[in-house]
């Protein structure tokens, strides 16, 4: 796959869309700072696990490295938005300005070998 295709494959849009929707619901309804952090942490953990399941069951991804990159890609995307990370004391928005291009560079650098062609 070319670079853009790999980049798009690493972050399943359906999972990302589900995260964005649920994070919006949490942001709109949970006012206590501690509870908000707990809800966002649970959502992040759940969506990262869902990414693994989605890659395997829906996208039929078989390479562990591709699944790992998908999980990392989703985490980087959430990091760039703030999400749970923004509820911590160490997070600064400018970190995302570094994390996103670093991930994009990694996608370009890491190339997986083609899958073997199945013989019939």
PDB file of N, CA and C in Angstrom:
ATOM      1  N   UNK A   1       0.834  -1.195   0.000  1.00  0.00           N
ATOM      2  CA  UNK A   1       0.000   0.000   0.000  1.00  0.00           C
ATOM      3  C   UNK A   1       0.873   1.250   0.000  1.00  0.00           C
ATOM      4  N   UNK A   2       0.345   2.309  -0.588  1.00  0.00           N
ATOM      5  CA  UNK A   2       1.088   3.557  -0.562  1.00  0.00           C
ATOM      6  C   UNK A   2       0.949   4.220   0.812  1.00  0.00           C
ATOM      7  N   UNK A   3       1.676   5.309   1.014  1.00  0.00           N
ATOM      8  CA  UNK A   3       1.756   5.962   2.321  1.00  0.00           C
ATOM      9  C   UNK A   3       0.391   6.391   2.851  1.00  0.00           C
ATOM     10  N   UNK A   4      -0.393   7.080   2.046  1.00  0.00           N
ATOM     11  CA  UNK A   4      -1.704   7.583   2.495  1.00  0.00           C
ATOM     12  C   UNK A   4      -2.632   6.426   2.832  1.00  0.00           C
ATOM     13  N   UNK A   5      -2.622   5.384   2.047  1.00  0.00           N
ATOM     14  CA  UNK A   5      -3.467   4.215   2.322  1.00  0.00           C
ATOM     15  C   UNK A   5      -3.081   3.588   3.646  1.00  0.00           C
ATOM     16  N   UNK A   6      -1.771   3.438   3.899  1.00  0.00           N
ATOM     17  CA  UNK A   6      -1.318   2.865   5.166  1.00  0.00           C
ATOM     18  C   UNK A   6      -1.752   3.743   6.334  1.00  0.00           C
ATOM     19  N   UNK A   7      -1.594   5.051   6.178  1.00  0.00           N
ATOM     20  CA  UNK A   7      -1.965   5.974   7.244  1.00  0.00           C
ATOM     21  C   UNK A   7      -3.456   5.855   7.565  1.00  0.00           C
ATOM     22  N   UNK A   8      -4.284   5.779   6.544  1.00  0.00           N
ATOM     23  CA  UNK A   8      -5.733   5.654   6.751  1.00  0.00           C
ATOM     24  C   UNK A   8      -6.111   4.298   7.350  1.00  0.00           C
ATOM     25  N   UNK A   9      -5.409   3.246   6.947  1.00  0.00           N
ATOM     26  CA  UNK A   9      -5.711   1.909   7.470  1.00  0.00           C
ATOM     27  C   UNK A   9      -5.361   1.773   8.948  1.00  0.00           C
ATOM     28  N   UNK A  10      -4.367   2.512   9.394  1.00  0.00           N
ATOM     29  CA  UNK A  10      -3.920   2.352  10.773  1.00  0.00           C
ATOM     30  C   UNK A  10      -4.898   2.903  11.792  1.00  0.00           C
ATOM     31  N   UNK A  11      -5.781   3.804  11.392  1.00  0.00           N
ATOM     32  CA  UNK A  11      -6.772   4.340  12.330  1.00  0.00           C
ATOM     33  C   UNK A  11      -8.153   4.115  11.725  1.00  0.00           C
ATOM     34  N   UNK A  12      -8.832   3.018  12.124  1.00  0.00           N
ATOM     35  CA  UNK A  12     -10.149   2.731  11.544  1.00  0.00           C
ATOM     36  C   UNK A  12     -11.138   3.864  11.845  1.00  0.00           C
ATOM     37  N   UNK A  13     -11.695   4.436  10.788  1.00  0.00           N
ATOM     38  CA  UNK A  13     -12.592   5.584  10.930  1.00  0.00           C
ATOM     39  C   UNK A  13     -13.843   5.257  11.748  1.00  0.00           C
ATOM     40  N   UNK A  14     -14.334   4.027  11.661  1.00  0.00           N
ATOM     41  CA  UNK A  14     -15.520   3.649  12.429  1.00  0.00           C
ATOM     42  C   UNK A  14     -15.245   3.686  13.930  1.00  0.00           C
ATOM     43  N   UNK A  15     -14.093   3.202  14.320  1.00  0.00           N
ATOM     44  CA  UNK A  15     -13.719   3.208  15.738  1.00  0.00           C
ATOM     45  C   UNK A  15     -13.468   4.644  16.200  1.00  0.00           C
ATOM     46  N   UNK A  16     -12.785   5.410  15.378  1.00  0.00           N
ATOM     47  CA  UNK A  16     -12.533   6.807  15.713  1.00  0.00           C
ATOM     48  C   UNK A  16     -13.843   7.584  15.837  1.00  0.00           C
ATOM     49  N   UNK A  17     -14.765   7.347  14.912  1.00  0.00           N
ATOM     50  CA  UNK A  17     -16.070   8.011  14.978  1.00  0.00           C
ATOM     51  C   UNK A  17     -16.824   7.649  16.248  1.00  0.00           C
ATOM     52  N   UNK A  18     -16.770   6.380  16.628  1.00  0.00           N
ATOM     53  CA  UNK A  18     -17.427   5.947  17.870  1.00  0.00           C
ATOM     54  C   UNK A  18     -16.792   6.643  19.067  1.00  0.00           C
ATOM     55  N   UNK A  19     -15.465   6.737  19.075  1.00  0.00           N
ATOM     56  CA  UNK A  19     -14.783   7.428  20.174  1.00  0.00           C
ATOM     57  C   UNK A  19     -15.232   8.881  20.247  1.00  0.00           C
ATOM     58  N   UNK A  20     -15.201   9.571  19.122  1.00  0.00           N
ATOM     59  CA  UNK A  20     -15.561  10.991  19.105  1.00  0.00           C
ATOM     60  C   UNK A  20     -16.987  11.213  19.600  1.00  0.00           C
ATOM     61  N   UNK A  21     -17.908  10.355  19.175  1.00  0.00           N
ATOM     62  CA  UNK A  21     -19.298  10.481  19.612  1.00  0.00           C
ATOM     63  C   UNK A  21     -19.411  10.280  21.123  1.00  0.00           C
ATOM     64  N   UNK A  22     -18.828   9.193  21.619  1.00  0.00           N
ATOM     65  CA  UNK A  22     -18.942   8.890  23.049  1.00  0.00           C
ATOM     66  C   UNK A  22     -18.203   9.916  23.908  1.00  0.00           C
ATOM     67  N   UNK A  23     -17.056  10.403  23.453  1.00  0.00           N
ATOM     68  CA  UNK A  23     -16.335  11.437  24.199  1.00  0.00           C
ATOM     69  C   UNK A  23     -17.173  12.708  24.277  1.00  0.00           C
ATOM     70  N   UNK A  24     -17.878  13.020  23.208  1.00  0.00           N
ATOM     71  CA  UNK A  24     -18.764  14.182  23.219  1.00  0.00           C
ATOM     72  C   UNK A  24     -19.893  14.037  24.220  1.00  0.00           C
ATOM     73  N   UNK A  25     -20.442  12.833  24.296  1.00  0.00           N
ATOM     74  CA  UNK A  25     -21.504  12.568  25.271  1.00  0.00           C
ATOM     75  C   UNK A  25     -20.958  12.724  26.692  1.00  0.00           C
ATOM     76  N   UNK A  26     -19.786  12.184  26.944  1.00  0.00           N
ATOM     77  CA  UNK A  26     -19.164  12.299  28.265  1.00  0.00           C
ATOM     78  C   UNK A  26     -18.879  13.770  28.582  1.00  0.00           C
ATOM     79  N   UNK A  27     -18.291  14.485  27.636  1.00  0.00           N
ATOM     80  CA  UNK A  27     -17.969  15.901  27.859  1.00  0.00           C
ATOM     81  C   UNK A  27     -19.218  16.727  28.174  1.00  0.00           C
ATOM     82  N   UNK A  28     -20.332  16.364  27.552  1.00  0.00           N
ATOM     83  CA  UNK A  28     -21.578  17.119  27.742  1.00  0.00           C
ATOM     84  C   UNK A  28     -22.313  16.774  29.026  1.00  0.00           C
ATOM     85  N   UNK A  29     -22.045  15.620  29.597  1.00  0.00           N
ATOM     86  CA  UNK A  29     -22.871  15.151  30.705  1.00  0.00           C
ATOM     87  C   UNK A  29     -22.156  14.923  32.021  1.00  0.00           C
ATOM     88  N   UNK A  30     -20.847  14.818  32.017  1.00  0.00           N
ATOM     89  CA  UNK A  30     -20.117  14.556  33.262  1.00  0.00           C
ATOM     90  C   UNK A  30     -19.390  15.834  33.664  1.00  0.00           C
ATOM     91  N   UNK A  31     -19.851  16.438  34.753  1.00  0.00           N
ATOM     92  CA  UNK A  31     -19.298  17.741  35.156  1.00  0.00           C
ATOM     93  C   UNK A  31     -18.201  17.645  36.213  1.00  0.00           C
ATOM     94  N   UNK A  32     -18.240  16.633  37.052  1.00  0.00           N
ATOM     95  CA  UNK A  32     -17.211  16.471  38.073  1.00  0.00           C
ATOM     96  C   UNK A  32     -15.883  16.105  37.404  1.00  0.00           C
ATOM     97  N   UNK A  33     -14.811  16.843  37.729  1.00  0.00           N
ATOM     98  CA  UNK A  33     -13.515  16.643  37.074  1.00  0.00           C
ATOM     99  C   UNK A  33     -12.978  15.228  37.258  1.00  0.00           C
ATOM    100  N   UNK A  34     -13.082  14.694  38.462  1.00  0.00           N
ATOM    101  CA  UNK A  34     -12.583  13.338  38.729  1.00  0.00           C
ATOM    102  C   UNK A  34     -13.376  12.306  37.938  1.00  0.00           C
ATOM    103  N   UNK A  35     -14.695  12.410  37.995  1.00  0.00           N
ATOM    104  CA  UNK A  35     -15.547  11.473  37.250  1.00  0.00           C
ATOM    105  C   UNK A  35     -15.309  11.594  35.747  1.00  0.00           C
ATOM    106  N   UNK A  36     -15.117  12.817  35.282  1.00  0.00           N
ATOM    107  CA  UNK A  36     -14.857  13.047  33.863  1.00  0.00           C
ATOM    108  C   UNK A  36     -13.583  12.316  33.434  1.00  0.00           C
ATOM    109  N   UNK A  37     -12.538  12.431  34.248  1.00  0.00           N
ATOM    110  CA  UNK A  37     -11.272  11.747  33.948  1.00  0.00           C
ATOM    111  C   UNK A  37     -11.457  10.234  33.934  1.00  0.00           C
ATOM    112  N   UNK A  38     -12.219   9.716  34.889  1.00  0.00           N
ATOM    113  CA  UNK A  38     -12.452   8.262  34.957  1.00  0.00           C
ATOM    114  C   UNK A  38     -13.216   7.779  33.721  1.00  0.00           C
ATOM    115  N   UNK A  39     -14.256   8.499  33.345  1.00  0.00           N
ATOM    116  CA  UNK A  39     -15.044   8.125  32.169  1.00  0.00           C
ATOM    117  C   UNK A  39     -14.198   8.160  30.899  1.00  0.00           C
ATOM    118  N   UNK A  40     -13.398   9.213  30.750  1.00  0.00           N
ATOM    119  CA  UNK A  40     -12.562   9.314  29.552  1.00  0.00           C
ATOM    120  C   UNK A  40     -11.474   8.245  29.530  1.00  0.00           C
ATOM    121  N   UNK A  41     -10.928   7.890  30.692  1.00  0.00           N
ATOM    122  CA  UNK A  41      -9.929   6.812  30.760  1.00  0.00           C
ATOM    123  C   UNK A  41     -10.562   5.481  30.374  1.00  0.00           C
ATOM    124  N   UNK A  42     -11.754   5.226  30.894  1.00  0.00           N
ATOM    125  CA  UNK A  42     -12.457   3.989  30.540  1.00  0.00           C
ATOM    126  C   UNK A  42     -12.787   3.928  29.062  1.00  0.00           C
ATOM    127  N   UNK A  43     -13.221   5.065  28.522  1.00  0.00           N
ATOM    128  CA  UNK A  43     -13.527   5.121  27.091  1.00  0.00           C
ATOM    129  C   UNK A  43     -12.276   4.860  26.263  1.00  0.00           C
ATOM    130  N   UNK A  44     -11.175   5.487  26.627  1.00  0.00           N
ATOM    131  CA  UNK A  44      -9.927   5.277  25.890  1.00  0.00           C
ATOM    132  C   UNK A  44      -9.507   3.812  25.928  1.00  0.00           C
ATOM    133  N   UNK A  45      -9.519   3.210  27.105  1.00  0.00           N
ATOM    134  CA  UNK A  45      -9.145   1.791  27.225  1.00  0.00           C
ATOM    135  C   UNK A  45     -10.075   0.911  26.390  1.00  0.00           C
ATOM    136  N   UNK A  46     -11.369   1.172  26.486  1.00  0.00           N
ATOM    137  CA  UNK A  46     -12.337   0.376  25.735  1.00  0.00           C
ATOM    138  C   UNK A  46     -12.162   0.513  24.234  1.00  0.00           C
ATOM    139  N   UNK A  47     -11.918   1.725  23.779  1.00  0.00           N
ATOM    140  CA  UNK A  47     -11.768   1.951  22.341  1.00  0.00           C
ATOM    141  C   UNK A  47     -10.456   1.356  21.825  1.00  0.00           C
ATOM    142  N   UNK A  48      -9.408   1.386  22.625  1.00  0.00           N
ATOM    143  CA  UNK A  48      -8.158   0.747  22.197  1.00  0.00           C
ATOM    144  C   UNK A  48      -8.335  -0.759  22.062  1.00  0.00           C
ATOM    145  N   UNK A  49      -9.063  -1.355  23.008  1.00  0.00           N
ATOM    146  CA  UNK A  49      -9.366  -2.790  22.888  1.00  0.00           C
ATOM    147  C   UNK A  49     -10.284  -3.062  21.701  1.00  0.00           C
ATOM    148  N   UNK A  50     -11.254  -2.180  21.487  1.00  0.00           N
ATOM    149  CA  UNK A  50     -12.160  -2.336  20.350  1.00  0.00           C
ATOM    150  C   UNK A  50     -11.410  -2.230  19.027  1.00  0.00           C
ATOM    151  N   UNK A  51     -10.361  -1.422  19.002  1.00  0.00           N
ATOM    152  CA  UNK A  51      -9.553  -1.293  17.788  1.00  0.00           C
ATOM    153  C   UNK A  51      -8.914  -2.630  17.431  1.00  0.00           C
ATOM    154  N   UNK A  52      -8.415  -3.328  18.433  1.00  0.00           N
ATOM    155  CA  UNK A  52      -7.818  -4.647  18.191  1.00  0.00           C
ATOM    156  C   UNK A  52      -8.870  -5.599  17.628  1.00  0.00           C
ATOM    157  N   UNK A  53     -10.019  -5.662  18.293  1.00  0.00           N
ATOM    158  CA  UNK A  53     -11.089  -6.550  17.832  1.00  0.00           C
ATOM    159  C   UNK A  53     -11.573  -6.166  16.435  1.00  0.00           C
ATOM    160  N   UNK A  54     -11.726  -4.884  16.185  1.00  0.00           N
ATOM    161  CA  UNK A  54     -12.200  -4.406  14.873  1.00  0.00           C
ATOM    162  C   UNK A  54     -11.197  -4.760  13.776  1.00  0.00           C
ATOM    163  N   UNK A  55      -9.923  -4.541  14.054  1.00  0.00           N
ATOM    164  CA  UNK A  55      -8.893  -4.892  13.074  1.00  0.00           C
ATOM    165  C   UNK A  55      -8.937  -6.371  12.721  1.00  0.00           C
ATOM    166  N   UNK A  56      -9.063  -7.209  13.736  1.00  0.00           N
ATOM    167  CA  UNK A  56      -9.027  -8.660  13.516  1.00  0.00           C
ATOM    168  C   UNK A  56     -10.327  -9.167  12.886  1.00  0.00           C
ATOM    169  N   UNK A  57     -11.465  -8.790  13.469  1.00  0.00           N
ATOM    170  CA  UNK A  57     -12.756  -9.368  13.052  1.00  0.00           C
ATOM    171  C   UNK A  57     -13.365  -8.705  11.821  1.00  0.00           C
ATOM    172  N   UNK A  58     -13.222  -7.400  11.687  1.00  0.00           N
ATOM    173  CA  UNK A  58     -13.884  -6.700  10.588  1.00  0.00           C
ATOM    174  C   UNK A  58     -12.923  -6.465   9.419  1.00  0.00           C
ATOM    175  N   UNK A  59     -11.738  -5.983   9.722  1.00  0.00           N
ATOM    176  CA  UNK A  59     -10.777  -5.667   8.666  1.00  0.00           C
ATOM    177  C   UNK A  59      -9.895  -6.851   8.280  1.00  0.00           C
ATOM    178  N   UNK A  60      -9.995  -7.947   9.033  1.00  0.00           N
ATOM    179  CA  UNK A  60      -9.214  -9.163   8.768  1.00  0.00           C
ATOM    180  C   UNK A  60      -7.707  -8.915   8.759  1.00  0.00           C
ATOM    181  N   UNK A  61      -7.261  -8.061   9.663  1.00  0.00           N
ATOM    182  CA  UNK A  61      -5.828  -7.788   9.795  1.00  0.00           C
ATOM    183  C   UNK A  61      -5.195  -8.976  10.517  1.00  0.00           C
ATOM    184  N   UNK A  62      -4.099  -9.472   9.972  1.00  0.00           N
ATOM    185  CA  UNK A  62      -3.449 -10.648  10.566  1.00  0.00           C
ATOM    186  C   UNK A  62      -2.066 -10.340  11.129  1.00  0.00           C
ATOM    187  N   UNK A  63      -1.496  -9.221  10.752  1.00  0.00           N
ATOM    188  CA  UNK A  63      -0.149  -8.886  11.214  1.00  0.00           C
ATOM    189  C   UNK A  63      -0.208  -8.183  12.574  1.00  0.00           C
ATOM    190  N   UNK A  64       0.466  -8.748  13.577  1.00  0.00           N
ATOM    191  CA  UNK A  64       0.497  -8.094  14.887  1.00  0.00           C
ATOM    192  C   UNK A  64       1.056  -6.667  14.829  1.00  0.00           C
ATOM    193  N   UNK A  65       2.052  -6.415  13.980  1.00  0.00           N
ATOM    194  CA  UNK A  65       2.631  -5.077  13.873  1.00  0.00           C
ATOM    195  C   UNK A  65       1.606  -4.079  13.331  1.00  0.00           C
ATOM    196  N   UNK A  66       0.786  -4.509  12.399  1.00  0.00           N
ATOM    197  CA  UNK A  66      -0.236  -3.623  11.845  1.00  0.00           C
ATOM    198  C   UNK A  66      -1.300  -3.316  12.899  1.00  0.00           C
ATOM    199  N   UNK A  67      -1.660  -4.309  13.696  1.00  0.00           N
ATOM    200  CA  UNK A  67      -2.628  -4.097  14.776  1.00  0.00           C
ATOM    201  C   UNK A  67      -2.037  -3.151  15.817  1.00  0.00           C
ATOM    202  N   UNK A  68      -0.771  -3.348  16.160  1.00  0.00           N
ATOM    203  CA  UNK A  68      -0.113  -2.468  17.136  1.00  0.00           C
ATOM    204  C   UNK A  68      -0.062  -1.031  16.620  1.00  0.00           C
ATOM    205  N   UNK A  69       0.258  -0.851  15.353  1.00  0.00           N
ATOM    206  CA  UNK A  69       0.288   0.494  14.775  1.00  0.00           C
ATOM    207  C   UNK A  69      -1.098   1.124  14.774  1.00  0.00           C
ATOM    208  N   UNK A  70      -2.112   0.320  14.594  1.00  0.00           N
ATOM    209  CA  UNK A  70      -3.483   0.813  14.618  1.00  0.00           C
ATOM    210  C   UNK A  70      -3.856   1.318  16.011  1.00  0.00           C
ATOM    211  N   UNK A  71      -3.489   0.557  17.026  1.00  0.00           N
ATOM    212  CA  UNK A  71      -3.759   0.958  18.412  1.00  0.00           C
ATOM    213  C   UNK A  71      -2.975   2.230  18.754  1.00  0.00           C
ATOM    214  N   UNK A  72      -1.710   2.271  18.367  1.00  0.00           N
ATOM    215  CA  UNK A  72      -0.884   3.448  18.624  1.00  0.00           C
ATOM    216  C   UNK A  72      -1.450   4.654  17.875  1.00  0.00           C
ATOM    217  N   UNK A  73      -1.860   4.443  16.636  1.00  0.00           N
ATOM    218  CA  UNK A  73      -2.420   5.533  15.839  1.00  0.00           C
ATOM    219  C   UNK A  73      -3.663   6.129  16.474  1.00  0.00           C
ATOM    220  N   UNK A  74      -4.546   5.271  16.974  1.00  0.00           N
ATOM    221  CA  UNK A  74      -5.751   5.771  17.630  1.00  0.00           C
ATOM    222  C   UNK A  74      -5.381   6.519  18.911  1.00  0.00           C
ATOM    223  N   UNK A  75      -4.436   5.978  19.674  1.00  0.00           N
ATOM    224  CA  UNK A  75      -4.003   6.645  20.899  1.00  0.00           C
ATOM    225  C   UNK A  75      -3.392   8.019  20.589  1.00  0.00           C
ATOM    226  N   UNK A  76      -2.607   8.101  19.534  1.00  0.00           N
ATOM    227  CA  UNK A  76      -2.014   9.383  19.136  1.00  0.00           C
ATOM    228  C   UNK A  76      -3.102  10.364  18.722  1.00  0.00           C
ATOM    229  N   UNK A  77      -4.101   9.886  17.998  1.00  0.00           N
ATOM    230  CA  UNK A  77      -5.198  10.763  17.587  1.00  0.00           C
ATOM    231  C   UNK A  77      -5.938  11.304  18.809  1.00  0.00           C
ATOM    232  N   UNK A  78      -6.248  10.423  19.759  1.00  0.00           N
ATOM    233  CA  UNK A  78      -6.923  10.860  20.987  1.00  0.00           C
ATOM    234  C   UNK A  78      -6.022  11.829  21.750  1.00  0.00           C
ATOM    235  N   UNK A  79      -4.738  11.535  21.805  1.00  0.00           N
ATOM    236  CA  UNK A  79      -3.772  12.417  22.460  1.00  0.00           C
ATOM    237  C   UNK A  79      -3.805  13.805  21.830  1.00  0.00           C
ATOM    238  N   UNK A  80      -3.915  13.839  20.506  1.00  0.00           N
ATOM    239  CA  UNK A  80      -3.926  15.132  19.813  1.00  0.00           C
ATOM    240  C   UNK A  80      -5.182  15.937  20.131  1.00  0.00           C
ATOM    241  N   UNK A  81      -6.273  15.248  20.442  1.00  0.00           N
ATOM    242  CA  UNK A  81      -7.522  15.926  20.802  1.00  0.00           C
ATOM    243  C   UNK A  81      -7.554  16.327  22.272  1.00  0.00           C
ATOM    244  N   UNK A  82      -6.759  15.675  23.074  1.00  0.00           N
ATOM    245  CA  UNK A  82      -6.754  15.905  24.521  1.00  0.00           C
ATOM    246  C   UNK A  82      -7.302  14.690  25.228  1.00  0.00           C
ATOM    247  N   UNK A  83      -8.617  14.474  25.092  1.00  0.00           N
ATOM    248  CA  UNK A  83      -9.254  13.307  25.708  1.00  0.00           C
ATOM    249  C   UNK A  83      -8.843  13.141  27.157  1.00  0.00           C
ATOM    250  N   UNK A  84      -8.652  11.905  27.558  1.00  0.00           N
ATOM    251  CA  UNK A  84      -8.241  11.625  28.928  1.00  0.00           C
ATOM    252  C   UNK A  84      -6.910  12.296  29.260  1.00  0.00           C
ATOM    253  N   UNK A  85      -6.023  12.343  28.286  1.00  0.00           N
ATOM    254  CA  UNK A  85      -4.698  12.900  28.524  1.00  0.00           C
ATOM    255  C   UNK A  85      -4.786  14.332  29.062  1.00  0.00           C
ATOM    256  N   UNK A  86      -5.760  15.097  28.577  1.00  0.00           N
ATOM    257  CA  UNK A  86      -5.911  16.487  29.002  1.00  0.00           C
ATOM    258  C   UNK A  86      -6.343  16.605  30.456  1.00  0.00           C
ATOM    259  N   UNK A  87      -6.775  15.510  31.066  1.00  0.00           N
ATOM    260  CA  UNK A  87      -7.173  15.545  32.475  1.00  0.00           C
ATOM    261  C   UNK A  87      -5.989  15.318  33.403  1.00  0.00           C
ATOM    262  N   UNK A  88      -4.826  15.028  32.831  1.00  0.00           N
ATOM    263  CA  UNK A  88      -3.631  14.795  33.649  1.00  0.00           C
ATOM    264  C   UNK A  88      -2.876  16.108  33.852  1.00  0.00           C
ATOM    265  N   UNK A  89      -1.986  16.110  34.824  1.00  0.00           N
ATOM    266  CA  UNK A  89      -1.219  17.330  35.104  1.00  0.00           C
ATOM    267  C   UNK A  89      -0.041  17.514  34.152  1.00  0.00           C
ATOM    268  N   UNK A  90       0.406  16.470  33.503  1.00  0.00           N
ATOM    269  CA  UNK A  90       1.597  16.551  32.661  1.00  0.00           C
ATOM    270  C   UNK A  90       1.291  16.896  31.206  1.00  0.00           C
ATOM    271  N   UNK A  91       0.041  16.805  30.787  1.00  0.00           N
ATOM    272  CA  UNK A  91      -0.319  17.005  29.380  1.00  0.00           C
ATOM    273  C   UNK A  91      -0.287  18.484  28.998  1.00  0.00           C
ATOM    274  N   UNK A  92       0.290  18.749  27.828  1.00  0.00           N
ATOM    275  CA  UNK A  92       0.255  20.085  27.223  1.00  0.00           C
ATOM    276  C   UNK A  92      -0.109  19.891  25.749  1.00  0.00           C
ATOM    277  N   UNK A  93      -0.966  20.744  25.236  1.00  0.00           N
ATOM    278  CA  UNK A  93      -1.443  20.601  23.859  1.00  0.00           C
ATOM    279  C   UNK A  93      -0.302  20.580  22.847  1.00  0.00           C
ATOM    280  N   UNK A  94       0.774  21.288  23.117  1.00  0.00           N
ATOM    281  CA  UNK A  94       1.864  21.321  22.146  1.00  0.00           C
ATOM    282  C   UNK A  94       2.536  19.961  21.989  1.00  0.00           C
ATOM    283  N   UNK A  95       2.380  19.077  22.990  1.00  0.00           N
ATOM    284  CA  UNK A  95       2.924  17.722  22.846  1.00  0.00           C
ATOM    285  C   UNK A  95       2.295  17.020  21.640  1.00  0.00           C
ATOM    286  N   UNK A  96       1.006  17.265  21.433  1.00  0.00           N
ATOM    287  CA  UNK A  96       0.308  16.663  20.301  1.00  0.00           C
ATOM    288  C   UNK A  96       0.882  17.160  18.983  1.00  0.00           C
ATOM    289  N   UNK A  97       1.346  18.391  18.977  1.00  0.00           N
ATOM    290  CA  UNK A  97       1.959  18.945  17.764  1.00  0.00           C
ATOM    291  C   UNK A  97       3.221  18.191  17.388  1.00  0.00           C
ATOM    292  N   UNK A  98       3.803  17.515  18.343  1.00  0.00           N
ATOM    293  CA  UNK A  98       4.985  16.691  18.086  1.00  0.00           C
ATOM    294  C   UNK A  98       4.576  15.240  17.824  1.00  0.00           C
ATOM    295  N   UNK A  99       3.633  14.727  18.592  1.00  0.00           N
ATOM    296  CA  UNK A  99       3.250  13.316  18.500  1.00  0.00           C
ATOM    297  C   UNK A  99       2.649  12.959  17.144  1.00  0.00           C
ATOM    298  N   UNK A 100       1.803  13.809  16.610  1.00  0.00           N
ATOM    299  CA  UNK A 100       1.129  13.488  15.342  1.00  0.00           C
ATOM    300  C   UNK A 100       2.118  13.363  14.187  1.00  0.00           C
ATOM    301  N   UNK A 101       3.010  14.333  13.971  1.00  0.00           N
ATOM    302  CA  UNK A 101       3.955  14.149  12.857  1.00  0.00           C
ATOM    303  C   UNK A 101       4.951  13.011  13.089  1.00  0.00           C
ATOM    304  N   UNK A 102       5.302  12.742  14.351  1.00  0.00           N
ATOM    305  CA  UNK A 102       6.192  11.603  14.619  1.00  0.00           C
ATOM    306  C   UNK A 102       5.508  10.306  14.209  1.00  0.00           C
ATOM    307  N   UNK A 103       4.229  10.161  14.564  1.00  0.00           N
ATOM    308  CA  UNK A 103       3.495   8.959  14.149  1.00  0.00           C
ATOM    309  C   UNK A 103       3.407   8.883  12.625  1.00  0.00           C
ATOM    310  N   UNK A 104       3.109  10.001  11.986  1.00  0.00           N
ATOM    311  CA  UNK A 104       3.017  10.018  10.523  1.00  0.00           C
ATOM    312  C   UNK A 104       4.350   9.610   9.887  1.00  0.00           C
ATOM    313  N   UNK A 105       5.459  10.048  10.467  1.00  0.00           N
ATOM    314  CA  UNK A 105       6.773   9.637   9.963  1.00  0.00           C
ATOM    315  C   UNK A 105       6.992   8.138  10.153  1.00  0.00           C
ATOM    316  N   UNK A 106       6.579   7.624  11.313  1.00  0.00           N
ATOM    317  CA  UNK A 106       6.732   6.185  11.560  1.00  0.00           C
ATOM    318  C   UNK A 106       5.964   5.358  10.540  1.00  0.00           C
ATOM    319  N   UNK A 107       4.773   5.812  10.194  1.00  0.00           N
ATOM    320  CA  UNK A 107       3.976   5.093   9.190  1.00  0.00           C
ATOM    321  C   UNK A 107       4.736   5.040   7.872  1.00  0.00           C
ATOM    322  N   UNK A 108       5.409   6.116   7.541  1.00  0.00           N
ATOM    323  CA  UNK A 108       6.188   6.135   6.311  1.00  0.00           C
ATOM    324  C   UNK A 108       7.435   5.282   6.375  1.00  0.00           C
ATOM    325  N   UNK A 109       8.037   5.192   7.546  1.00  0.00           N
ATOM    326  CA  UNK A 109       9.292   4.455   7.711  1.00  0.00           C
ATOM    327  C   UNK A 109       9.060   2.953   7.823  1.00  0.00           C
ATOM    328  N   UNK A 110       8.055   2.557   8.613  1.00  0.00           N
ATOM    329  CA  UNK A 110       7.810   1.134   8.862  1.00  0.00           C
ATOM    330  C   UNK A 110       7.026   0.549   7.701  1.00  0.00           C
ATOM    331  N   UNK A 111       7.650  -0.355   7.023  1.00  0.00           N
ATOM    332  CA  UNK A 111       6.994  -1.022   5.889  1.00  0.00           C
ATOM    333  C   UNK A 111       6.907  -2.510   6.197  1.00  0.00           C
ATOM    334  N   UNK A 112       5.707  -3.030   6.087  1.00  0.00           N
ATOM    335  CA  UNK A 112       5.493  -4.454   6.314  1.00  0.00           C
ATOM    336  C   UNK A 112       5.699  -5.218   5.024  1.00  0.00           C
ATOM    337  N   UNK A 113       6.205  -6.426   5.155  1.00  0.00           N
ATOM    338  CA  UNK A 113       6.371  -7.270   3.986  1.00  0.00           C
ATOM    339  C   UNK A 113       4.984  -7.636   3.453  1.00  0.00           C
ATOM    340  N   UNK A 114       4.850  -7.824   2.152  1.00  0.00           N
ATOM    341  CA  UNK A 114       3.550  -8.210   1.608  1.00  0.00           C
ATOM    342  C   UNK A 114       3.131  -9.576   2.151  1.00  0.00           C
ATOM    343  N   UNK A 115       1.823  -9.744   2.292  1.00  0.00           N
ATOM    344  CA  UNK A 115       1.312 -11.036   2.709  1.00  0.00           C
ATOM    345  C   UNK A 115       1.583 -12.057   1.627  1.00  0.00           C
ATOM    346  N   UNK A 116       1.862 -13.302   2.006  1.00  0.00           N
ATOM    347  CA  UNK A 116       2.063 -14.321   0.988  1.00  0.00           C
ATOM    348  C   UNK A 116       0.763 -14.551   0.204  1.00  0.00           C
ATOM    349  N   UNK A 117       0.912 -14.773  -1.080  1.00  0.00           N
ATOM    350  CA  UNK A 117      -0.251 -15.028  -1.919  1.00  0.00           C
ATOM    351  C   UNK A 117      -0.718 -16.455  -1.664  1.00  0.00           C
ATOM    352  N   UNK A 118      -2.012 -16.571  -1.352  1.00  0.00           N
ATOM    353  CA  UNK A 118      -2.577 -17.902  -1.085  1.00  0.00           C
ATOM    354  C   UNK A 118      -2.681 -18.672  -2.375  1.00  0.00           C
ATOM    355  N   UNK A 119      -2.177 -19.897  -2.354  1.00  0.00           N
ATOM    356  CA  UNK A 119      -2.271 -20.742  -3.549  1.00  0.00           C
ATOM    357  C   UNK A 119      -3.560 -21.548  -3.474  1.00  0.00           C
ATOM    358  N   UNK A 120      -4.166 -21.740  -4.638  1.00  0.00           N
ATOM    359  CA  UNK A 120      -5.436 -22.479  -4.658  1.00  0.00           C
ATOM    360  C   UNK A 120      -5.287 -23.886  -5.114  1.00  0.00           C
TER     361      UNK A 120
END
